[in-house]
Amino acid sequence: MSDYTPLNKVGEFGLIRMIKEKIELRHGSTIKGIGDDAAVLEPKQKQLVVSSDMLLEGVHFDLTFCPLKHLGYKAVAVNVSDIAAMNATPTQITVNIAVGARFTVEAVEELYEGIRLACESYKVDLVGGDTTSSNSGLIISITAIGETTADQVVYRSGAKLNDLICVTGDLGAAYMGLQILEREKQAFIANPDMQPELDDKQYIVGRQLRPEARMDVIYDLRERGIKPTAMIDISDGLASELFHICSQSKVGAVVYKDNLPADSQMLETAVEFNMDPLTCIMNGGEDYELLFTVPLAAYEELKNHPDITIIGSITDESDGVNLATKSGQVFPLKAQGWSHF
């Protein structure tokens, strides 16, 4: 007899009760959370920042190699990352899921455990959502709400001539992690008795399965008194996101190839797959690092920062968006990141 509980045994209301029992509210702006027709929020003299993201099984994730707990955590992190990119503080989320009949109560609990852990990590309140059935796999839709003030919000459109271009962390790892997972999936299909070979790939696989929103850097910049002039999170690839900033700020940019941050495990794996590491860095996507610009005056403060790399500078719009090599060669950049359609 199975130890797992079909969802129809507890029903929607029973599932909501189970979720609510494990949720802790942290923010004074949350007046009413789960349990009524709608949540009630009272931000008190703040501007609200709202972002929404949808993850579809078979499009954005593969449950063959993506644990439900990691998926729940990632679903929250990618939304918090958008709030971070606005220089705001995440405060609440709503979660909508659609699940098929193959899912058990225990599976949904595992998904929500990942969501709960992310809420704990980013100090956000889960204040509502919806659960329904699906005939086409698991669907997760999360709306994240954040708070900021008019003088602190950062848009993509604020980059100025001679600003420094910065990125957090390292790039390309999530994309190479996905290549490893896809390879192991094919090996598993060919031989279900095989054991995945991931021991020396833990970092890049983790970057794909459970990325982190860089709220730590947002808080650090605030403590240093540095406000970015423009910012965006790197979900679709560095080149694509840089084009967004340049287009909306009406500027050009030069990025220095030798300054681009990459983890050694990513570089080694790219060589293993006969892929150009530069392509992975520029166009890989799903790193959820932050790309931002700051005034030139911030150079001394950031030049030795352990989590921030200065990769280039903002130029005149007429110069275009370019990649420069150590030898002085300059190549026009192309945005070839993830396409949603």
Protein backbone atom coordinates (compact mmCIF):
# COMPACT_ATOMS: atom_id res chain seq x y z
CA MET A 1 0.00 0.00 0.00
CA SER A 2 1.30 3.48 -0.96
CA ASP A 3 2.58 5.83 1.75
CA TYR A 4 1.60 8.84 -0.37
CA THR A 5 -1.67 10.74 -0.13
CA PRO A 6 -3.68 11.68 -3.25
CA LEU A 7 -4.55 15.37 -3.39
CA ASN A 8 -8.26 14.62 -3.57
CA LYS A 9 -8.04 13.12 -0.07
CA VAL A 10 -7.43 16.54 1.49
CA GLY A 11 -9.04 18.81 -1.12
CA GLU A 12 -8.20 22.45 -1.84
CA PHE A 13 -9.20 23.77 1.58
CA GLY A 14 -7.24 21.08 3.39
CA LEU A 15 -4.21 21.88 1.25
CA ILE A 16 -4.54 25.60 2.04
CA ARG A 17 -4.74 24.84 5.77
CA MET A 18 -1.58 22.73 5.54
CA ILE A 19 0.25 25.53 3.76
CA LYS A 20 -0.97 28.23 6.15
CA GLU A 21 0.12 26.30 9.24
CA LYS A 22 3.75 26.47 8.14
CA ILE A 23 3.83 30.13 7.11
CA GLU A 24 5.35 32.79 9.35
CA LEU A 25 4.53 36.47 8.77
CA ARG A 26 7.42 38.88 9.24
CA HIS A 27 6.37 42.31 7.94
CA GLY A 28 4.31 44.98 9.65
CA SER A 29 2.95 45.93 6.23
CA THR A 30 1.19 42.53 6.05
CA ILE A 31 -2.18 43.20 7.69
CA LYS A 32 -3.93 40.05 6.44
CA GLY A 33 -2.34 37.07 4.74
CA ILE A 34 -3.68 33.63 3.75
CA GLY A 35 -7.24 32.81 4.80
CA ASP A 36 -9.47 35.55 3.38
CA ASP A 37 -10.67 36.56 -0.09
CA ALA A 38 -7.61 38.75 -0.54
CA ALA A 39 -4.50 39.83 1.30
CA VAL A 40 -4.38 43.27 2.92
CA LEU A 41 -1.13 45.25 2.82
CA GLU A 42 -0.32 48.63 4.33
CA PRO A 43 3.14 49.83 3.20
CA LYS A 44 3.07 53.25 4.99
CA GLN A 45 4.62 55.99 2.83
CA LYS A 46 6.47 53.54 0.56
CA GLN A 47 6.30 52.85 -3.15
CA LEU A 48 5.26 49.29 -4.02
CA VAL A 49 7.27 47.32 -6.58
CA VAL A 50 5.48 44.36 -8.15
CA SER A 51 6.90 41.58 -10.33
CA SER A 52 5.36 38.36 -11.61
CA ASP A 53 6.92 35.26 -13.12
CA MET A 54 5.59 31.94 -14.44
CA LEU A 55 7.41 28.60 -14.57
CA LEU A 56 6.04 25.78 -16.74
CA GLU A 57 7.06 22.14 -16.58
CA GLY A 58 8.75 21.13 -19.81
CA VAL A 59 9.58 24.75 -20.68
CA HIS A 60 11.34 26.22 -17.64
CA PHE A 61 12.11 23.11 -15.62
CA ASP A 62 12.36 19.34 -15.93
CA LEU A 63 11.25 17.25 -12.95
CA THR A 64 13.49 14.41 -14.13
CA PHE A 65 16.40 16.23 -12.50
CA CYS A 66 14.86 19.16 -10.61
CA PRO A 67 13.88 18.30 -7.00
CA LEU A 68 10.58 19.86 -5.96
CA LYS A 69 12.11 21.56 -2.93
CA HIS A 70 14.76 23.22 -5.10
CA LEU A 71 12.09 24.19 -7.61
CA GLY A 72 10.01 25.90 -4.93
CA TYR A 73 13.05 27.81 -3.69
CA LYS A 74 14.07 28.82 -7.23
CA ALA A 75 10.56 30.01 -8.09
CA VAL A 76 10.73 32.49 -5.22
CA ALA A 77 14.36 33.48 -5.84
CA VAL A 78 13.81 34.46 -9.49
CA ASN A 79 10.99 36.79 -8.45
CA VAL A 80 12.93 38.29 -5.55
CA SER A 81 15.75 38.89 -8.04
CA ASP A 82 13.46 41.22 -10.01
CA ILE A 83 12.66 43.14 -6.83
CA ALA A 84 16.38 43.39 -6.07
CA ALA A 85 16.99 44.80 -9.55
CA MET A 86 14.69 47.72 -8.67
CA ASN A 87 16.78 48.41 -5.54
CA ALA A 88 13.74 47.52 -3.44
CA THR A 89 13.20 45.28 -0.43
CA PRO A 90 11.01 42.19 -1.02
CA THR A 91 8.15 41.98 1.46
CA GLN A 92 5.37 39.65 0.22
CA ILE A 93 4.68 36.98 -2.39
CA THR A 94 1.61 35.21 -3.71
CA VAL A 95 1.92 31.69 -5.14
CA ASN A 96 -0.35 30.09 -7.73
CA ILE A 97 0.17 26.45 -8.69
CA ALA A 98 -1.59 24.11 -11.08
CA VAL A 99 -0.85 20.40 -10.55
CA GLY A 100 -1.74 17.21 -12.34
CA ALA A 101 -3.35 14.11 -10.86
CA ARG A 102 0.03 12.37 -10.57
CA PHE A 103 1.04 14.74 -7.76
CA THR A 104 0.52 13.66 -4.17
CA VAL A 105 -0.02 15.74 -1.04
CA GLU A 106 3.56 14.92 -0.04
CA ALA A 107 4.89 16.21 -3.39
CA VAL A 108 3.04 19.52 -3.00
CA GLU A 109 4.30 19.78 0.58
CA GLU A 110 7.86 19.31 -0.70
CA LEU A 111 7.36 22.11 -3.23
CA TYR A 112 5.99 24.42 -0.55
CA GLU A 113 8.84 23.53 1.81
CA GLY A 114 11.21 25.02 -0.77
CA ILE A 115 8.96 28.07 -1.03
CA ARG A 116 8.91 28.39 2.77
CA LEU A 117 12.71 28.15 3.00
CA ALA A 118 13.06 30.90 0.39
CA CYS A 119 10.56 33.08 2.27
CA GLU A 120 12.67 32.56 5.39
CA SER A 121 15.91 33.34 3.55
CA TYR A 122 14.64 36.52 1.86
CA LYS A 123 12.39 37.54 4.77
CA VAL A 124 9.19 37.71 2.75
CA ASP A 125 5.60 36.87 3.69
CA LEU A 126 3.53 34.37 1.69
CA VAL A 127 0.16 36.13 1.73
CA GLY A 128 -2.00 34.23 -0.75
CA GLY A 129 -2.41 32.50 -4.07
CA ASP A 130 -4.43 29.78 -5.73
CA THR A 131 -4.25 26.05 -6.35
CA THR A 132 -5.95 24.33 -9.26
CA SER A 133 -5.66 21.24 -11.45
CA SER A 134 -3.62 20.98 -14.62
CA ASN A 135 -3.75 18.66 -17.60
CA SER A 136 -0.33 19.79 -18.89
CA GLY A 137 2.13 19.34 -16.04
CA LEU A 138 3.10 21.53 -13.11
CA ILE A 139 2.69 25.30 -13.44
CA ILE A 140 3.97 27.79 -10.86
CA SER A 141 3.18 31.49 -10.98
CA ILE A 142 4.56 33.81 -8.32
CA THR A 143 3.96 37.52 -7.79
CA ALA A 144 6.51 39.31 -5.64
CA ILE A 145 5.89 42.63 -3.91
CA GLY A 146 8.60 44.92 -2.62
CA GLU A 147 8.90 48.29 -0.95
CA THR A 148 11.12 51.24 -1.74
CA THR A 149 11.07 55.04 -1.73
CA ALA A 150 10.95 57.43 -4.66
CA ASP A 151 14.55 58.47 -4.11
CA GLN A 152 15.88 54.90 -3.92
CA VAL A 153 14.13 53.08 -6.78
CA VAL A 154 16.44 52.20 -9.70
CA TYR A 155 15.28 51.78 -13.31
CA ARG A 156 17.00 50.43 -16.40
CA SER A 157 16.94 53.91 -17.90
CA GLY A 158 19.35 55.81 -15.63
CA ALA A 159 22.82 54.92 -16.99
CA LYS A 160 24.98 57.94 -17.81
CA LEU A 161 28.09 58.53 -19.93
CA ASN A 162 31.27 57.26 -18.19
CA ASP A 163 29.35 55.24 -15.58
CA LEU A 164 31.04 52.00 -14.56
CA ILE A 165 29.36 48.74 -15.60
CA CYS A 166 29.35 46.14 -12.81
CA VAL A 167 28.15 42.57 -12.30
CA THR A 168 27.77 40.49 -9.18
CA GLY A 169 29.11 36.96 -8.75
CA ASP A 170 30.18 34.93 -11.78
CA LEU A 171 28.46 34.20 -15.08
CA GLY A 172 27.72 31.20 -17.28
CA ALA A 173 27.60 28.63 -14.46
CA ALA A 174 23.83 28.07 -14.51
CA TYR A 175 23.87 27.43 -18.26
CA MET A 176 26.70 24.90 -17.98
CA GLY A 177 24.91 23.28 -15.03
CA LEU A 178 21.93 22.75 -17.31
CA GLN A 179 24.15 21.09 -19.93
CA ILE A 180 25.43 18.64 -17.28
CA LEU A 181 21.89 17.83 -16.11
CA GLU A 182 20.64 17.30 -19.65
CA ARG A 183 23.58 14.98 -20.37
CA GLU A 184 22.90 12.92 -17.25
CA LYS A 185 19.20 12.75 -18.14
CA GLN A 186 20.01 11.24 -21.54
CA ALA A 187 22.35 8.74 -19.88
CA PHE A 188 19.57 7.81 -17.43
CA ILE A 189 17.07 7.30 -20.27
CA ALA A 190 19.56 4.99 -21.98
CA ASN A 191 20.30 3.12 -18.74
CA PRO A 192 17.92 3.64 -15.77
CA ASP A 193 20.36 1.79 -13.48
CA MET A 194 23.11 4.36 -13.97
CA GLN A 195 24.20 6.75 -11.22
CA PRO A 196 24.58 10.41 -12.20
CA GLU A 197 28.16 11.73 -12.32
CA LEU A 198 27.82 15.05 -10.54
CA ASP A 199 30.41 14.89 -7.77
CA ASP A 200 32.81 17.34 -9.43
CA LYS A 201 30.02 19.55 -10.83
CA GLN A 202 28.19 20.50 -7.63
CA TYR A 203 28.71 24.26 -7.99
CA ILE A 204 27.42 24.69 -11.53
CA VAL A 205 24.56 22.22 -11.03
CA GLY A 206 23.55 24.11 -7.88
CA ARG A 207 23.59 27.38 -9.81
CA GLN A 208 21.01 25.91 -12.19
CA LEU A 209 18.81 24.12 -9.67
CA ARG A 210 18.85 26.62 -6.82
CA PRO A 211 20.03 30.11 -7.75
CA GLU A 212 20.10 32.93 -5.22
CA ALA A 213 18.73 36.45 -5.62
CA ARG A 214 21.51 38.92 -4.79
CA MET A 215 19.74 40.83 -2.04
CA ASP A 216 23.01 40.59 -0.09
CA VAL A 217 24.66 42.94 -2.59
CA ILE A 218 21.69 45.32 -2.54
CA TYR A 219 21.97 45.63 1.25
CA ASP A 220 25.76 46.02 1.01
CA LEU A 221 25.52 48.84 -1.55
CA ARG A 222 23.03 50.64 0.70
CA GLU A 223 25.41 50.39 3.64
CA ARG A 224 28.17 51.86 1.48
CA GLY A 225 25.92 54.72 0.36
CA ILE A 226 26.12 53.68 -3.30
CA LYS A 227 22.97 53.88 -5.40
CA PRO A 228 23.19 52.31 -8.89
CA THR A 229 22.16 54.56 -11.77
CA ALA A 230 20.63 51.63 -13.70
CA MET A 231 20.13 47.97 -12.85
CA ILE A 232 18.71 44.70 -14.20
CA ASP A 233 18.95 41.05 -13.17
CA ILE A 234 20.67 38.59 -15.50
CA SER A 235 18.00 36.07 -16.39
CA ASP A 236 18.38 35.99 -20.19
CA GLY A 237 22.15 36.45 -20.53
CA LEU A 238 24.59 39.31 -19.91
CA ALA A 239 24.55 40.60 -23.50
CA SER A 240 20.76 40.71 -23.68
CA GLU A 241 20.45 42.53 -20.34
CA LEU A 242 23.17 45.04 -21.28
CA PHE A 243 21.24 45.86 -24.44
CA HIS A 244 18.13 46.52 -22.31
CA ILE A 245 20.00 49.04 -20.17
CA CYS A 246 21.66 50.73 -23.16
CA SER A 247 18.40 50.91 -25.13
CA GLN A 248 16.38 52.38 -22.28
CA SER A 249 19.18 54.72 -21.12
CA LYS A 250 20.01 55.76 -24.71
CA VAL A 251 23.72 55.05 -24.26
CA GLY A 252 26.41 52.74 -25.61
CA ALA A 253 28.74 50.46 -23.68
CA VAL A 254 32.13 48.78 -23.82
CA VAL A 255 32.74 45.56 -21.90
CA TYR A 256 36.26 44.17 -21.43
CA LYS A 257 36.56 40.46 -22.17
CA ASP A 258 39.31 39.88 -19.62
CA ASN A 259 37.19 41.42 -16.85
CA LEU A 260 34.25 39.04 -17.21
CA PRO A 261 33.92 36.91 -14.03
CA ALA A 262 33.73 33.13 -14.46
CA ASP A 263 34.08 30.17 -12.11
CA SER A 264 36.81 27.63 -12.92
CA GLN A 265 34.29 24.76 -12.86
CA MET A 266 32.22 26.54 -15.51
CA LEU A 267 35.29 27.13 -17.69
CA GLU A 268 36.44 23.51 -17.42
CA THR A 269 32.97 22.19 -18.23
CA ALA A 270 32.64 24.46 -21.26
CA VAL A 271 35.88 23.01 -22.64
CA GLU A 272 34.57 19.51 -21.87
CA PHE A 273 31.47 20.25 -23.98
CA ASN A 274 33.51 21.93 -26.75
CA MET A 275 31.72 25.20 -26.09
CA ASP A 276 33.13 28.72 -26.13
CA PRO A 277 33.19 29.95 -22.50
CA LEU A 278 32.63 33.51 -23.71
CA THR A 279 29.34 32.45 -25.32
CA CYS A 280 28.24 30.86 -22.04
CA ILE A 281 29.13 34.03 -20.10
CA MET A 282 27.49 36.46 -22.51
CA ASN A 283 24.41 34.49 -23.53
CA GLY A 284 23.87 31.63 -21.05
CA GLY A 285 21.24 33.15 -18.78
CA GLU A 286 19.61 32.01 -15.52
CA ASP A 287 22.50 33.22 -13.36
CA TYR A 288 20.23 35.77 -11.62
CA GLU A 289 23.21 37.96 -10.86
CA LEU A 290 22.80 41.74 -11.03
CA LEU A 291 24.08 43.95 -13.84
CA PHE A 292 24.24 47.60 -12.81
CA THR A 293 25.92 50.91 -13.47
CA VAL A 294 27.38 53.33 -10.93
CA PRO A 295 29.06 56.74 -11.19
CA LEU A 296 32.80 56.75 -11.82
CA ALA A 297 33.27 58.14 -8.30
CA ALA A 298 32.33 54.70 -6.88
CA TYR A 299 35.44 53.07 -8.38
CA GLU A 300 37.63 53.18 -5.28
CA GLU A 301 34.84 51.75 -3.13
CA LEU A 302 34.08 48.84 -5.47
CA LYS A 303 37.38 47.97 -7.18
CA ASN A 304 38.28 45.29 -4.61
CA HIS A 305 34.75 44.18 -3.70
CA PRO A 306 34.67 40.36 -3.36
CA ASP A 307 31.21 39.98 -4.95
CA ILE A 308 31.27 42.77 -7.56
CA THR A 309 33.34 43.00 -10.75
CA ILE A 310 33.72 46.15 -12.83
CA ILE A 311 33.48 44.88 -16.41
CA GLY A 312 33.31 48.05 -18.50
CA SER A 313 31.92 51.54 -18.89
CA ILE A 314 29.07 53.44 -20.46
CA THR A 315 29.86 55.22 -23.74
CA ASP A 316 28.01 57.44 -26.17
CA GLU A 317 24.95 55.91 -27.84
CA SER A 318 26.56 56.34 -31.25
CA ASP A 319 29.40 53.98 -30.25
CA GLY A 320 27.04 51.02 -29.87
CA VAL A 321 27.51 48.08 -27.50
CA ASN A 322 30.95 46.49 -27.83
CA LEU A 323 33.31 43.87 -26.44
CA ALA A 324 36.99 44.85 -26.18
CA THR A 325 39.96 42.48 -25.93
CA LYS A 326 43.27 43.00 -24.16
CA SER A 327 44.96 43.59 -27.53
CA GLY A 328 42.65 46.52 -28.22
CA GLN A 329 40.32 44.84 -30.71
CA VAL A 330 36.69 45.88 -30.45
CA PHE A 331 33.76 43.72 -31.58
CA PRO A 332 30.06 44.70 -31.70
CA LEU A 333 28.04 42.62 -29.25
CA LYS A 334 24.92 40.70 -30.20
CA ALA A 335 22.16 39.68 -27.79
CA GLN A 336 21.63 35.94 -28.30
CA GLY A 337 20.18 34.99 -24.93
CA TRP A 338 17.06 33.03 -24.05
CA SER A 339 14.05 33.62 -26.30
CA HIS A 340 10.66 33.01 -24.67
CA PHE A 341 8.84 32.33 -27.96
